[in-house]
Amino acid sequence: MKPVWISEKIAYFDQRGPEWDLIVGNDEERRAKIRAVFDSIDLAKGDTVLDAGCGNGVLFDFIEEKMGAAGRLVAVDAAPSMIQRARELYPDYGNIEFRVGMLESLLLEDSFFDAVLCFSILPHVDDLPKVLSRFKKSLKAGGKLYIFHLSDTRSLNAFHGGLDGPVKHDLLPEKDEMLSLLEAAGFTVRDYIDRTGLNFIECLA
């Protein structure tokens, strides 16, 4: 049985799934910012990729563009309505496997993924050390973990703090803590950027 606060958090996102594009403003300006981030994301044709906390699939086009039809995308979200909306928005990709569940407990194959992408999800993870360790275990040797947000850490945490409901206390760790967590999970941090409009971390498994 999930703790009450976790169930409330899943319900919070599940209620917003059908209108998530409007809530977060997935317009051309935001997509252009995501595309700029993808210039720094190393995916190859035929890669197997995990989109951890995929929401309604905002990254799918960018991932597919890089890995191609020969690639495989596993899209995971704890909110069923987010997965349902992603299916509706991206019906033409035949290489996406959808999984509903929490990153702390969902089955992830060992040494399976070439890359794990985490876009705007880590503040909402309740057991970050466990999830990072699971990512490390699920990546192939030399695989990459990318964590990114279209905001710097301080601004993102201030934004969450101004919200009501179960996400009010969902914070992204500051640099020193984040680096310590990643290193404890077995990752080598290759890049860490935290500036206005972007938090971006690249790690090697």
N, C-alpha and C. Protein backbone atom coordinates (compact mmCIF):
# COMPACT_ATOMS: atom_id res chain seq x y z
N MET A 1 0.85 -1.20 0.00
CA MET A 1 0.00 0.00 0.00
C MET A 1 0.88 1.25 0.00
N LYS A 2 0.58 2.17 -0.91
CA LYS A 2 1.37 3.40 -0.99
C LYS A 2 1.04 4.32 0.18
N PRO A 3 2.04 5.04 0.72
CA PRO A 3 1.74 6.08 1.70
C PRO A 3 0.77 7.10 1.11
N VAL A 4 0.01 7.74 2.00
CA VAL A 4 -1.04 8.66 1.55
C VAL A 4 -0.48 9.76 0.66
N TRP A 5 0.68 10.34 1.04
CA TRP A 5 1.20 11.47 0.27
C TRP A 5 1.62 11.06 -1.14
N ILE A 6 2.04 9.81 -1.30
CA ILE A 6 2.40 9.35 -2.64
C ILE A 6 1.14 9.17 -3.49
N SER A 7 0.11 8.57 -2.90
CA SER A 7 -1.15 8.41 -3.62
C SER A 7 -1.73 9.77 -4.01
N GLU A 8 -1.61 10.74 -3.11
CA GLU A 8 -2.11 12.09 -3.40
C GLU A 8 -1.33 12.73 -4.54
N LYS A 9 -0.03 12.49 -4.57
CA LYS A 9 0.80 13.07 -5.63
C LYS A 9 0.45 12.45 -6.99
N ILE A 10 0.28 11.14 -7.02
CA ILE A 10 -0.11 10.49 -8.27
C ILE A 10 -1.46 11.02 -8.73
N ALA A 11 -2.41 11.17 -7.80
CA ALA A 11 -3.73 11.70 -8.14
C ALA A 11 -3.63 13.13 -8.66
N TYR A 12 -2.73 13.92 -8.09
CA TYR A 12 -2.53 15.30 -8.52
C TYR A 12 -2.18 15.36 -10.00
N PHE A 13 -1.23 14.53 -10.42
CA PHE A 13 -0.82 14.53 -11.82
C PHE A 13 -1.84 13.81 -12.71
N ASP A 14 -2.48 12.79 -12.17
CA ASP A 14 -3.46 12.05 -12.96
C ASP A 14 -4.65 12.93 -13.32
N GLN A 15 -5.07 13.78 -12.41
CA GLN A 15 -6.18 14.70 -12.67
C GLN A 15 -5.83 15.72 -13.74
N ARG A 16 -4.55 16.02 -13.88
CA ARG A 16 -4.10 17.06 -14.80
C ARG A 16 -3.62 16.51 -16.14
N GLY A 17 -3.56 15.21 -16.28
CA GLY A 17 -3.05 14.60 -17.50
C GLY A 17 -3.71 15.06 -18.78
N PRO A 18 -5.05 15.09 -18.84
CA PRO A 18 -5.71 15.47 -20.09
C PRO A 18 -5.39 16.89 -20.56
N GLU A 19 -5.03 17.77 -19.62
CA GLU A 19 -4.79 19.18 -19.98
C GLU A 19 -3.35 19.60 -19.69
N TRP A 20 -2.45 18.63 -19.60
CA TRP A 20 -1.08 18.96 -19.19
C TRP A 20 -0.39 19.91 -20.16
N ASP A 21 -0.65 19.76 -21.45
CA ASP A 21 -0.06 20.67 -22.44
C ASP A 21 -0.40 22.12 -22.12
N LEU A 22 -1.66 22.37 -21.77
CA LEU A 22 -2.09 23.73 -21.47
C LEU A 22 -1.50 24.21 -20.15
N ILE A 23 -1.41 23.32 -19.18
CA ILE A 23 -0.91 23.70 -17.86
C ILE A 23 0.55 24.12 -17.92
N VAL A 24 1.38 23.34 -18.60
CA VAL A 24 2.82 23.66 -18.63
C VAL A 24 3.20 24.53 -19.82
N GLY A 25 2.26 24.72 -20.75
CA GLY A 25 2.54 25.59 -21.89
C GLY A 25 3.45 24.95 -22.92
N ASN A 26 3.07 23.77 -23.40
CA ASN A 26 3.88 23.10 -24.41
C ASN A 26 3.66 23.73 -25.79
N ASP A 27 4.09 24.97 -25.92
CA ASP A 27 3.95 25.69 -27.18
C ASP A 27 5.26 25.63 -27.96
N GLU A 28 5.32 26.32 -29.07
CA GLU A 28 6.51 26.25 -29.92
C GLU A 28 7.74 26.83 -29.22
N GLU A 29 7.55 27.83 -28.39
CA GLU A 29 8.69 28.41 -27.67
C GLU A 29 9.30 27.39 -26.72
N ARG A 30 8.46 26.67 -25.99
CA ARG A 30 8.98 25.65 -25.06
C ARG A 30 9.63 24.51 -25.82
N ARG A 31 9.01 24.10 -26.92
CA ARG A 31 9.59 23.01 -27.71
C ARG A 31 10.93 23.43 -28.30
N ALA A 32 11.07 24.69 -28.65
CA ALA A 32 12.36 25.18 -29.17
C ALA A 32 13.44 25.09 -28.09
N LYS A 33 13.07 25.36 -26.85
CA LYS A 33 14.02 25.24 -25.75
C LYS A 33 14.43 23.78 -25.54
N ILE A 34 13.45 22.89 -25.64
CA ILE A 34 13.76 21.46 -25.50
C ILE A 34 14.67 21.00 -26.63
N ARG A 35 14.38 21.45 -27.83
CA ARG A 35 15.22 21.08 -28.98
C ARG A 35 16.66 21.55 -28.76
N ALA A 36 16.83 22.73 -28.20
CA ALA A 36 18.18 23.23 -27.93
C ALA A 36 18.90 22.34 -26.93
N VAL A 37 18.17 21.83 -25.94
CA VAL A 37 18.77 20.90 -24.97
C VAL A 37 19.20 19.62 -25.67
N PHE A 38 18.38 19.15 -26.61
CA PHE A 38 18.69 17.90 -27.30
C PHE A 38 19.94 17.99 -28.17
N ASP A 39 20.39 19.19 -28.46
CA ASP A 39 21.67 19.33 -29.16
C ASP A 39 22.81 18.76 -28.32
N SER A 40 22.60 18.69 -27.00
CA SER A 40 23.64 18.18 -26.09
C SER A 40 23.37 16.75 -25.62
N ILE A 41 22.32 16.14 -26.16
CA ILE A 41 21.97 14.77 -25.76
C ILE A 41 22.42 13.80 -26.84
N ASP A 42 23.24 12.87 -26.44
CA ASP A 42 23.88 11.94 -27.38
C ASP A 42 23.07 10.65 -27.50
N LEU A 43 22.23 10.58 -28.52
CA LEU A 43 21.49 9.37 -28.85
C LEU A 43 21.86 8.97 -30.26
N ALA A 44 21.89 7.66 -30.50
CA ALA A 44 22.26 7.15 -31.82
C ALA A 44 21.12 6.32 -32.40
N LYS A 45 21.13 6.14 -33.71
CA LYS A 45 20.14 5.30 -34.37
C LYS A 45 20.16 3.90 -33.75
N GLY A 46 18.99 3.40 -33.43
CA GLY A 46 18.87 2.07 -32.88
C GLY A 46 19.02 1.97 -31.37
N ASP A 47 19.20 3.10 -30.69
CA ASP A 47 19.35 3.07 -29.23
C ASP A 47 18.05 2.64 -28.54
N THR A 48 18.21 2.12 -27.34
CA THR A 48 17.09 1.83 -26.46
C THR A 48 17.09 2.88 -25.36
N VAL A 49 15.98 3.61 -25.23
CA VAL A 49 15.93 4.81 -24.38
C VAL A 49 14.79 4.70 -23.38
N LEU A 50 15.05 5.12 -22.15
CA LEU A 50 14.01 5.23 -21.13
C LEU A 50 13.66 6.70 -20.95
N ASP A 51 12.39 7.03 -21.16
CA ASP A 51 11.87 8.36 -20.84
C ASP A 51 11.19 8.23 -19.49
N ALA A 52 11.89 8.61 -18.44
CA ALA A 52 11.45 8.40 -17.06
C ALA A 52 10.60 9.57 -16.60
N GLY A 53 9.31 9.33 -16.39
CA GLY A 53 8.39 10.41 -16.08
C GLY A 53 8.02 11.14 -17.35
N CYS A 54 7.51 10.38 -18.31
CA CYS A 54 7.33 10.90 -19.69
C CYS A 54 6.20 11.90 -19.81
N GLY A 55 5.30 11.97 -18.80
CA GLY A 55 4.17 12.87 -18.94
C GLY A 55 3.35 12.51 -20.16
N ASN A 56 2.98 13.53 -20.93
CA ASN A 56 2.18 13.28 -22.13
C ASN A 56 3.02 13.15 -23.39
N GLY A 57 4.32 12.89 -23.21
CA GLY A 57 5.15 12.55 -24.35
C GLY A 57 5.84 13.70 -25.05
N VAL A 58 6.07 14.79 -24.34
CA VAL A 58 6.63 15.97 -24.98
C VAL A 58 8.02 15.72 -25.58
N LEU A 59 8.75 14.72 -25.06
CA LEU A 59 10.09 14.43 -25.59
C LEU A 59 10.08 13.46 -26.76
N PHE A 60 8.96 12.83 -27.04
CA PHE A 60 8.95 11.72 -27.99
C PHE A 60 9.51 12.10 -29.36
N ASP A 61 9.05 13.21 -29.91
CA ASP A 61 9.51 13.61 -31.25
C ASP A 61 11.02 13.78 -31.29
N PHE A 62 11.57 14.37 -30.25
CA PHE A 62 13.01 14.64 -30.21
C PHE A 62 13.81 13.35 -30.05
N ILE A 63 13.30 12.44 -29.24
CA ILE A 63 13.96 11.14 -29.06
C ILE A 63 13.90 10.34 -30.35
N GLU A 64 12.72 10.28 -30.95
CA GLU A 64 12.53 9.50 -32.17
C GLU A 64 13.40 10.03 -33.31
N GLU A 65 13.54 11.33 -33.37
CA GLU A 65 14.37 11.95 -34.42
C GLU A 65 15.81 11.45 -34.35
N LYS A 66 16.27 11.20 -33.13
CA LYS A 66 17.67 10.77 -32.95
C LYS A 66 17.84 9.26 -33.04
N MET A 67 16.93 8.49 -32.46
CA MET A 67 17.14 7.04 -32.42
C MET A 67 16.53 6.32 -33.61
N GLY A 68 15.55 6.98 -34.27
CA GLY A 68 14.98 6.40 -35.48
C GLY A 68 14.06 5.22 -35.22
N ALA A 69 13.49 4.70 -36.29
CA ALA A 69 12.52 3.60 -36.19
C ALA A 69 13.16 2.33 -35.67
N ALA A 70 14.47 2.20 -35.81
CA ALA A 70 15.16 1.01 -35.31
C ALA A 70 15.38 1.06 -33.80
N GLY A 71 15.16 2.21 -33.21
CA GLY A 71 15.33 2.35 -31.77
C GLY A 71 14.12 1.85 -31.01
N ARG A 72 14.26 1.85 -29.71
CA ARG A 72 13.16 1.42 -28.83
C ARG A 72 13.05 2.42 -27.69
N LEU A 73 11.83 2.89 -27.47
CA LEU A 73 11.57 3.86 -26.41
C LEU A 73 10.65 3.24 -25.37
N VAL A 74 11.08 3.23 -24.13
CA VAL A 74 10.23 2.81 -23.01
C VAL A 74 9.80 4.08 -22.27
N ALA A 75 8.50 4.35 -22.27
CA ALA A 75 7.96 5.57 -21.70
C ALA A 75 7.21 5.23 -20.42
N VAL A 76 7.64 5.84 -19.32
CA VAL A 76 7.13 5.49 -17.99
C VAL A 76 6.53 6.72 -17.31
N ASP A 77 5.37 6.53 -16.69
CA ASP A 77 4.81 7.58 -15.85
C ASP A 77 3.92 6.94 -14.79
N ALA A 78 3.86 7.56 -13.62
CA ALA A 78 3.04 7.02 -12.54
C ALA A 78 1.57 7.36 -12.70
N ALA A 79 1.26 8.36 -13.54
CA ALA A 79 -0.12 8.80 -13.71
C ALA A 79 -0.73 8.16 -14.96
N PRO A 80 -1.73 7.30 -14.81
CA PRO A 80 -2.33 6.63 -15.97
C PRO A 80 -2.84 7.59 -17.03
N SER A 81 -3.39 8.73 -16.62
CA SER A 81 -3.94 9.66 -17.61
C SER A 81 -2.85 10.30 -18.45
N MET A 82 -1.66 10.45 -17.90
CA MET A 82 -0.53 10.98 -18.68
C MET A 82 -0.16 9.99 -19.79
N ILE A 83 -0.10 8.71 -19.44
CA ILE A 83 0.21 7.69 -20.44
C ILE A 83 -0.89 7.63 -21.49
N GLN A 84 -2.14 7.70 -21.06
CA GLN A 84 -3.24 7.67 -22.02
C GLN A 84 -3.16 8.84 -22.98
N ARG A 85 -2.87 10.02 -22.46
CA ARG A 85 -2.76 11.21 -23.31
C ARG A 85 -1.59 11.08 -24.27
N ALA A 86 -0.47 10.53 -23.80
CA ALA A 86 0.69 10.32 -24.68
C ALA A 86 0.34 9.37 -25.82
N ARG A 87 -0.41 8.32 -25.52
CA ARG A 87 -0.85 7.39 -26.57
C ARG A 87 -1.69 8.12 -27.62
N GLU A 88 -2.56 9.01 -27.15
CA GLU A 88 -3.45 9.75 -28.06
C GLU A 88 -2.68 10.74 -28.92
N LEU A 89 -1.69 11.38 -28.33
CA LEU A 89 -0.95 12.42 -29.05
C LEU A 89 0.07 11.86 -30.03
N TYR A 90 0.57 10.65 -29.76
CA TYR A 90 1.64 10.08 -30.59
C TYR A 90 1.28 8.66 -31.03
N PRO A 91 0.22 8.52 -31.84
CA PRO A 91 -0.24 7.18 -32.23
C PRO A 91 0.59 6.53 -33.32
N ASP A 92 1.43 7.29 -33.99
CA ASP A 92 2.09 6.78 -35.19
C ASP A 92 3.45 6.13 -34.94
N TYR A 93 3.99 6.29 -33.75
CA TYR A 93 5.27 5.66 -33.45
C TYR A 93 5.04 4.21 -33.03
N GLY A 94 5.65 3.29 -33.76
CA GLY A 94 5.43 1.87 -33.47
C GLY A 94 6.47 1.25 -32.57
N ASN A 95 7.38 2.05 -32.05
CA ASN A 95 8.48 1.50 -31.26
C ASN A 95 8.49 2.03 -29.82
N ILE A 96 7.30 2.43 -29.34
CA ILE A 96 7.19 2.92 -27.96
C ILE A 96 6.46 1.88 -27.11
N GLU A 97 7.06 1.55 -25.99
CA GLU A 97 6.43 0.68 -25.00
C GLU A 97 6.05 1.54 -23.79
N PHE A 98 4.78 1.54 -23.45
CA PHE A 98 4.29 2.36 -22.34
C PHE A 98 4.19 1.52 -21.07
N ARG A 99 4.63 2.09 -19.97
CA ARG A 99 4.54 1.43 -18.67
C ARG A 99 4.02 2.43 -17.64
N VAL A 100 3.02 2.02 -16.88
CA VAL A 100 2.47 2.86 -15.81
C VAL A 100 3.02 2.37 -14.48
N GLY A 101 3.64 3.26 -13.73
CA GLY A 101 4.14 2.87 -12.42
C GLY A 101 5.15 3.86 -11.88
N MET A 102 5.47 3.70 -10.62
CA MET A 102 6.44 4.56 -9.96
C MET A 102 7.85 4.11 -10.25
N LEU A 103 8.74 5.05 -10.41
CA LEU A 103 10.13 4.72 -10.72
C LEU A 103 10.80 3.95 -9.59
N GLU A 104 10.31 4.13 -8.38
CA GLU A 104 10.88 3.41 -7.24
C GLU A 104 10.61 1.91 -7.30
N SER A 105 9.52 1.51 -7.96
CA SER A 105 9.10 0.10 -7.88
C SER A 105 8.86 -0.57 -9.23
N LEU A 106 8.75 0.20 -10.29
CA LEU A 106 8.47 -0.38 -11.60
C LEU A 106 9.64 -1.24 -12.08
N LEU A 107 9.32 -2.36 -12.73
CA LEU A 107 10.36 -3.24 -13.25
C LEU A 107 11.17 -2.53 -14.33
N LEU A 108 12.48 -2.50 -14.15
CA LEU A 108 13.40 -1.99 -15.16
C LEU A 108 14.47 -3.06 -15.38
N GLU A 109 14.65 -3.46 -16.62
CA GLU A 109 15.61 -4.51 -16.93
C GLU A 109 17.04 -4.05 -16.63
N ASP A 110 17.88 -4.99 -16.24
CA ASP A 110 19.29 -4.69 -15.98
C ASP A 110 20.06 -4.52 -17.29
N SER A 111 20.99 -3.57 -17.30
CA SER A 111 21.90 -3.37 -18.45
C SER A 111 21.15 -3.37 -19.78
N PHE A 112 20.09 -2.60 -19.83
CA PHE A 112 19.15 -2.65 -20.96
C PHE A 112 19.15 -1.38 -21.80
N PHE A 113 19.30 -0.24 -21.16
CA PHE A 113 19.13 1.03 -21.85
C PHE A 113 20.46 1.66 -22.24
N ASP A 114 20.46 2.30 -23.40
CA ASP A 114 21.61 3.11 -23.82
C ASP A 114 21.58 4.48 -23.17
N ALA A 115 20.37 4.96 -22.87
CA ALA A 115 20.23 6.28 -22.25
C ALA A 115 18.95 6.34 -21.43
N VAL A 116 19.02 7.08 -20.34
CA VAL A 116 17.85 7.39 -19.51
C VAL A 116 17.68 8.90 -19.51
N LEU A 117 16.48 9.36 -19.84
CA LEU A 117 16.18 10.79 -19.87
C LEU A 117 15.18 11.12 -18.78
N CYS A 118 15.50 12.14 -17.99
CA CYS A 118 14.62 12.60 -16.91
C CYS A 118 14.36 14.09 -17.11
N PHE A 119 13.21 14.41 -17.64
CA PHE A 119 12.86 15.81 -17.87
C PHE A 119 11.79 16.24 -16.88
N SER A 120 12.15 17.16 -16.00
CA SER A 120 11.20 17.77 -15.05
C SER A 120 10.51 16.73 -14.17
N ILE A 121 11.25 15.71 -13.75
CA ILE A 121 10.64 14.66 -12.94
C ILE A 121 11.31 14.48 -11.58
N LEU A 122 12.62 14.69 -11.48
CA LEU A 122 13.32 14.31 -10.24
C LEU A 122 12.79 14.99 -8.98
N PRO A 123 12.32 16.25 -9.01
CA PRO A 123 11.78 16.81 -7.77
C PRO A 123 10.60 16.02 -7.22
N HIS A 124 9.91 15.30 -8.09
CA HIS A 124 8.71 14.58 -7.67
C HIS A 124 8.99 13.14 -7.26
N VAL A 125 10.26 12.74 -7.30
CA VAL A 125 10.65 11.39 -6.88
C VAL A 125 10.83 11.37 -5.37
N ASP A 126 10.22 10.39 -4.71
CA ASP A 126 10.24 10.37 -3.25
C ASP A 126 11.47 9.68 -2.67
N ASP A 127 12.06 8.75 -3.39
CA ASP A 127 13.27 8.07 -2.91
C ASP A 127 14.34 8.20 -3.99
N LEU A 128 14.96 9.36 -4.01
CA LEU A 128 15.90 9.67 -5.09
C LEU A 128 17.12 8.74 -5.10
N PRO A 129 17.74 8.44 -3.96
CA PRO A 129 18.87 7.50 -4.01
C PRO A 129 18.50 6.16 -4.63
N LYS A 130 17.33 5.65 -4.29
CA LYS A 130 16.89 4.36 -4.84
C LYS A 130 16.68 4.46 -6.34
N VAL A 131 16.04 5.52 -6.80
CA VAL A 131 15.75 5.67 -8.22
C VAL A 131 17.03 5.84 -9.02
N LEU A 132 17.95 6.63 -8.54
CA LEU A 132 19.22 6.81 -9.24
C LEU A 132 19.99 5.50 -9.32
N SER A 133 19.96 4.72 -8.26
CA SER A 133 20.63 3.41 -8.28
C SER A 133 19.96 2.48 -9.29
N ARG A 134 18.65 2.57 -9.39
CA ARG A 134 17.93 1.74 -10.36
C ARG A 134 18.28 2.16 -11.79
N PHE A 135 18.40 3.45 -12.01
CA PHE A 135 18.82 3.92 -13.34
C PHE A 135 20.20 3.37 -13.68
N LYS A 136 21.11 3.46 -12.72
CA LYS A 136 22.48 2.97 -12.96
C LYS A 136 22.46 1.49 -13.33
N LYS A 137 21.69 0.71 -12.62
CA LYS A 137 21.62 -0.73 -12.86
C LYS A 137 20.98 -1.04 -14.21
N SER A 138 20.05 -0.20 -14.64
CA SER A 138 19.32 -0.46 -15.88
C SER A 138 20.08 -0.02 -17.13
N LEU A 139 21.12 0.80 -16.95
CA LEU A 139 21.90 1.28 -18.08
C LEU A 139 22.99 0.29 -18.47
N LYS A 140 23.24 0.21 -19.76
CA LYS A 140 24.39 -0.57 -20.24
C LYS A 140 25.68 0.11 -19.78
N ALA A 141 26.76 -0.62 -19.75
CA ALA A 141 28.06 -0.02 -19.44
C ALA A 141 28.34 1.10 -20.44
N GLY A 142 28.65 2.28 -19.93
CA GLY A 142 28.88 3.42 -20.80
C GLY A 142 27.62 4.16 -21.20
N GLY A 143 26.47 3.68 -20.71
CA GLY A 143 25.22 4.37 -21.00
C GLY A 143 25.16 5.72 -20.30
N LYS A 144 24.20 6.54 -20.70
CA LYS A 144 24.16 7.92 -20.19
C LYS A 144 22.83 8.25 -19.53
N LEU A 145 22.93 9.02 -18.48
CA LEU A 145 21.77 9.57 -17.79
C LEU A 145 21.75 11.07 -18.01
N TYR A 146 20.60 11.57 -18.47
CA TYR A 146 20.42 13.01 -18.66
C TYR A 146 19.28 13.48 -17.77
N ILE A 147 19.56 14.49 -16.97
CA ILE A 147 18.57 15.11 -16.10
C ILE A 147 18.48 16.58 -16.51
N PHE A 148 17.28 17.05 -16.83
CA PHE A 148 17.21 18.45 -17.24
C PHE A 148 15.85 19.07 -16.93
N HIS A 149 15.90 20.37 -16.69
CA HIS A 149 14.73 21.20 -16.41
C HIS A 149 14.92 22.53 -17.13
N LEU A 150 13.85 23.13 -17.55
CA LEU A 150 13.93 24.44 -18.22
C LEU A 150 13.85 25.55 -17.18
N SER A 151 14.66 25.41 -16.16
CA SER A 151 14.74 26.37 -15.06
C SER A 151 16.00 26.07 -14.27
N ASP A 152 16.56 27.08 -13.63
CA ASP A 152 17.65 26.81 -12.69
C ASP A 152 17.06 26.25 -11.40
N THR A 153 17.89 25.63 -10.59
CA THR A 153 17.43 24.94 -9.39
C THR A 153 16.68 25.87 -8.44
N ARG A 154 17.24 27.02 -8.16
CA ARG A 154 16.63 27.93 -7.19
C ARG A 154 15.25 28.40 -7.65
N SER A 155 15.14 28.76 -8.92
CA SER A 155 13.85 29.24 -9.43
C SER A 155 12.82 28.12 -9.45
N LEU A 156 13.26 26.92 -9.82
CA LEU A 156 12.35 25.78 -9.86
C LEU A 156 11.81 25.47 -8.46
N ASN A 157 12.69 25.46 -7.48
CA ASN A 157 12.25 25.17 -6.12
C ASN A 157 11.34 26.25 -5.56
N ALA A 158 11.60 27.50 -5.93
CA ALA A 158 10.73 28.59 -5.50
C ALA A 158 9.35 28.45 -6.14
N PHE A 159 9.32 28.03 -7.40
CA PHE A 159 8.05 27.83 -8.09
C PHE A 159 7.23 26.74 -7.41
N HIS A 160 7.86 25.60 -7.15
CA HIS A 160 7.15 24.51 -6.48
C HIS A 160 6.67 24.95 -5.09
N GLY A 161 7.50 25.71 -4.39
CA GLY A 161 7.12 26.16 -3.06
C GLY A 161 5.91 27.08 -3.05
N GLY A 162 5.64 27.71 -4.18
CA GLY A 162 4.49 28.59 -4.29
C GLY A 162 3.21 27.90 -4.70
N LEU A 163 3.29 26.60 -4.97
CA LEU A 163 2.12 25.84 -5.37
C LEU A 163 1.40 25.29 -4.15
N ASP A 164 0.14 24.94 -4.35
CA ASP A 164 -0.62 24.24 -3.32
C ASP A 164 -0.60 22.75 -3.61
N GLY A 165 -0.97 21.96 -2.62
CA GLY A 165 -1.12 20.53 -2.87
C GLY A 165 0.14 19.74 -2.62
N PRO A 166 0.15 18.49 -3.07
CA PRO A 166 1.21 17.54 -2.70
C PRO A 166 2.57 17.79 -3.34
N VAL A 167 2.66 18.71 -4.30
CA VAL A 167 3.96 18.98 -4.92
C VAL A 167 4.65 20.20 -4.33
N LYS A 168 4.03 20.80 -3.34
CA LYS A 168 4.56 22.04 -2.76
C LYS A 168 5.98 21.87 -2.21
N HIS A 169 6.28 20.68 -1.71
CA HIS A 169 7.58 20.44 -1.09
C HIS A 169 8.51 19.61 -1.98
N ASP A 170 8.18 19.50 -3.25
CA ASP A 170 9.01 18.73 -4.19
C ASP A 170 10.15 19.62 -4.68
N LEU A 171 11.35 19.33 -4.21
CA LEU A 171 12.50 20.18 -4.50
C LEU A 171 13.58 19.41 -5.25
N LEU A 172 14.27 20.10 -6.13
CA LEU A 172 15.45 19.55 -6.80
C LEU A 172 16.66 19.83 -5.91
N PRO A 173 17.45 18.82 -5.59
CA PRO A 173 18.62 19.05 -4.73
C PRO A 173 19.57 20.09 -5.33
N GLU A 174 20.18 20.88 -4.45
CA GLU A 174 21.20 21.83 -4.88
C GLU A 174 22.42 21.07 -5.39
N LYS A 175 23.34 21.78 -6.03
CA LYS A 175 24.43 21.14 -6.76
C LYS A 175 25.22 20.13 -5.94
N ASP A 176 25.72 20.52 -4.79
CA ASP A 176 26.59 19.62 -4.02
C ASP A 176 25.86 18.34 -3.64
N GLU A 177 24.61 18.48 -3.20
CA GLU A 177 23.83 17.30 -2.82
C GLU A 177 23.54 16.44 -4.04
N MET A 178 23.19 17.07 -5.15
CA MET A 178 22.88 16.32 -6.37
C MET A 178 24.09 15.53 -6.85
N LEU A 179 25.23 16.16 -6.87
CA LEU A 179 26.45 15.47 -7.31
C LEU A 179 26.79 14.31 -6.38
N SER A 180 26.60 14.50 -5.08
CA SER A 180 26.87 13.43 -4.12
C SER A 180 25.93 12.25 -4.34
N LEU A 181 24.67 12.53 -4.60
CA LEU A 181 23.69 11.47 -4.86
C LEU A 181 24.05 10.68 -6.11
N LEU A 182 24.43 11.39 -7.15
CA LEU A 182 24.78 10.72 -8.41
C LEU A 182 26.04 9.87 -8.25
N GLU A 183 27.03 10.40 -7.58
CA GLU A 183 28.27 9.65 -7.38
C GLU A 183 28.03 8.44 -6.48
N ALA A 184 27.16 8.58 -5.47
CA ALA A 184 26.84 7.46 -4.59
C ALA A 184 26.13 6.34 -5.35
N ALA A 185 25.39 6.72 -6.40
CA ALA A 185 24.69 5.72 -7.22
C ALA A 185 25.62 5.06 -8.23
N GLY A 186 26.85 5.57 -8.34
CA GLY A 186 27.82 4.96 -9.25
C GLY A 186 28.02 5.67 -10.56
N PHE A 187 27.45 6.87 -10.69
CA PHE A 187 27.59 7.63 -11.92
C PHE A 187 28.84 8.50 -11.91
N THR A 188 29.37 8.75 -13.09
CA THR A 188 30.40 9.76 -13.29
C THR A 188 29.74 10.97 -13.93
N VAL A 189 29.78 12.11 -13.25
CA VAL A 189 29.13 13.31 -13.76
C VAL A 189 30.04 13.97 -14.78
N ARG A 190 29.53 14.11 -16.00
CA ARG A 190 30.34 14.69 -17.08
C ARG A 190 30.03 16.17 -17.30
N ASP A 191 28.83 16.58 -16.96
CA ASP A 191 28.47 17.99 -17.17
C ASP A 191 27.38 18.37 -16.17
N TYR A 192 27.50 19.57 -15.62
CA TYR A 192 26.49 20.11 -14.72
C TYR A 192 26.34 21.59 -15.04
N ILE A 193 25.16 21.96 -15.49
CA ILE A 193 24.86 23.36 -15.83
C ILE A 193 23.67 23.79 -14.99
N ASP A 194 23.78 24.93 -14.34
CA ASP A 194 22.66 25.48 -13.58
C ASP A 194 22.67 26.99 -13.75
N ARG A 195 21.88 27.45 -14.69
CA ARG A 195 21.83 28.87 -15.01
C ARG A 195 20.39 29.24 -15.32
N THR A 196 20.14 30.51 -15.44
CA THR A 196 18.79 30.97 -15.72
C THR A 196 18.21 30.23 -16.93
N GLY A 197 17.09 29.58 -16.72
CA GLY A 197 16.40 28.90 -17.81
C GLY A 197 16.85 27.48 -18.07
N LEU A 198 17.83 26.97 -17.31
CA LEU A 198 18.28 25.60 -17.59
C LEU A 198 19.02 24.99 -16.40
N ASN A 199 18.61 23.77 -16.06
CA ASN A 199 19.41 22.87 -15.23
C ASN A 199 19.63 21.61 -16.06
N PHE A 200 20.88 21.27 -16.31
CA PHE A 200 21.22 20.15 -17.20
C PHE A 200 22.37 19.35 -16.60
N ILE A 201 22.17 18.05 -16.49
CA ILE A 201 23.19 17.16 -15.94
C ILE A 201 23.36 15.97 -16.89
N GLU A 202 24.60 15.69 -17.23
CA GLU A 202 24.92 14.50 -18.04
C GLU A 202 25.83 13.60 -17.22
N CYS A 203 25.46 12.33 -17.14
CA CYS A 203 26.23 11.36 -16.35
C CYS A 203 26.53 10.12 -17.18
N LEU A 204 27.63 9.48 -16.85
CA LEU A 204 28.03 8.24 -17.51
C LEU A 204 27.91 7.09 -16.52
N ALA A 205 27.28 6.00 -16.97
CA ALA A 205 27.12 4.83 -16.10
C ALA A 205 28.41 4.03 -16.03
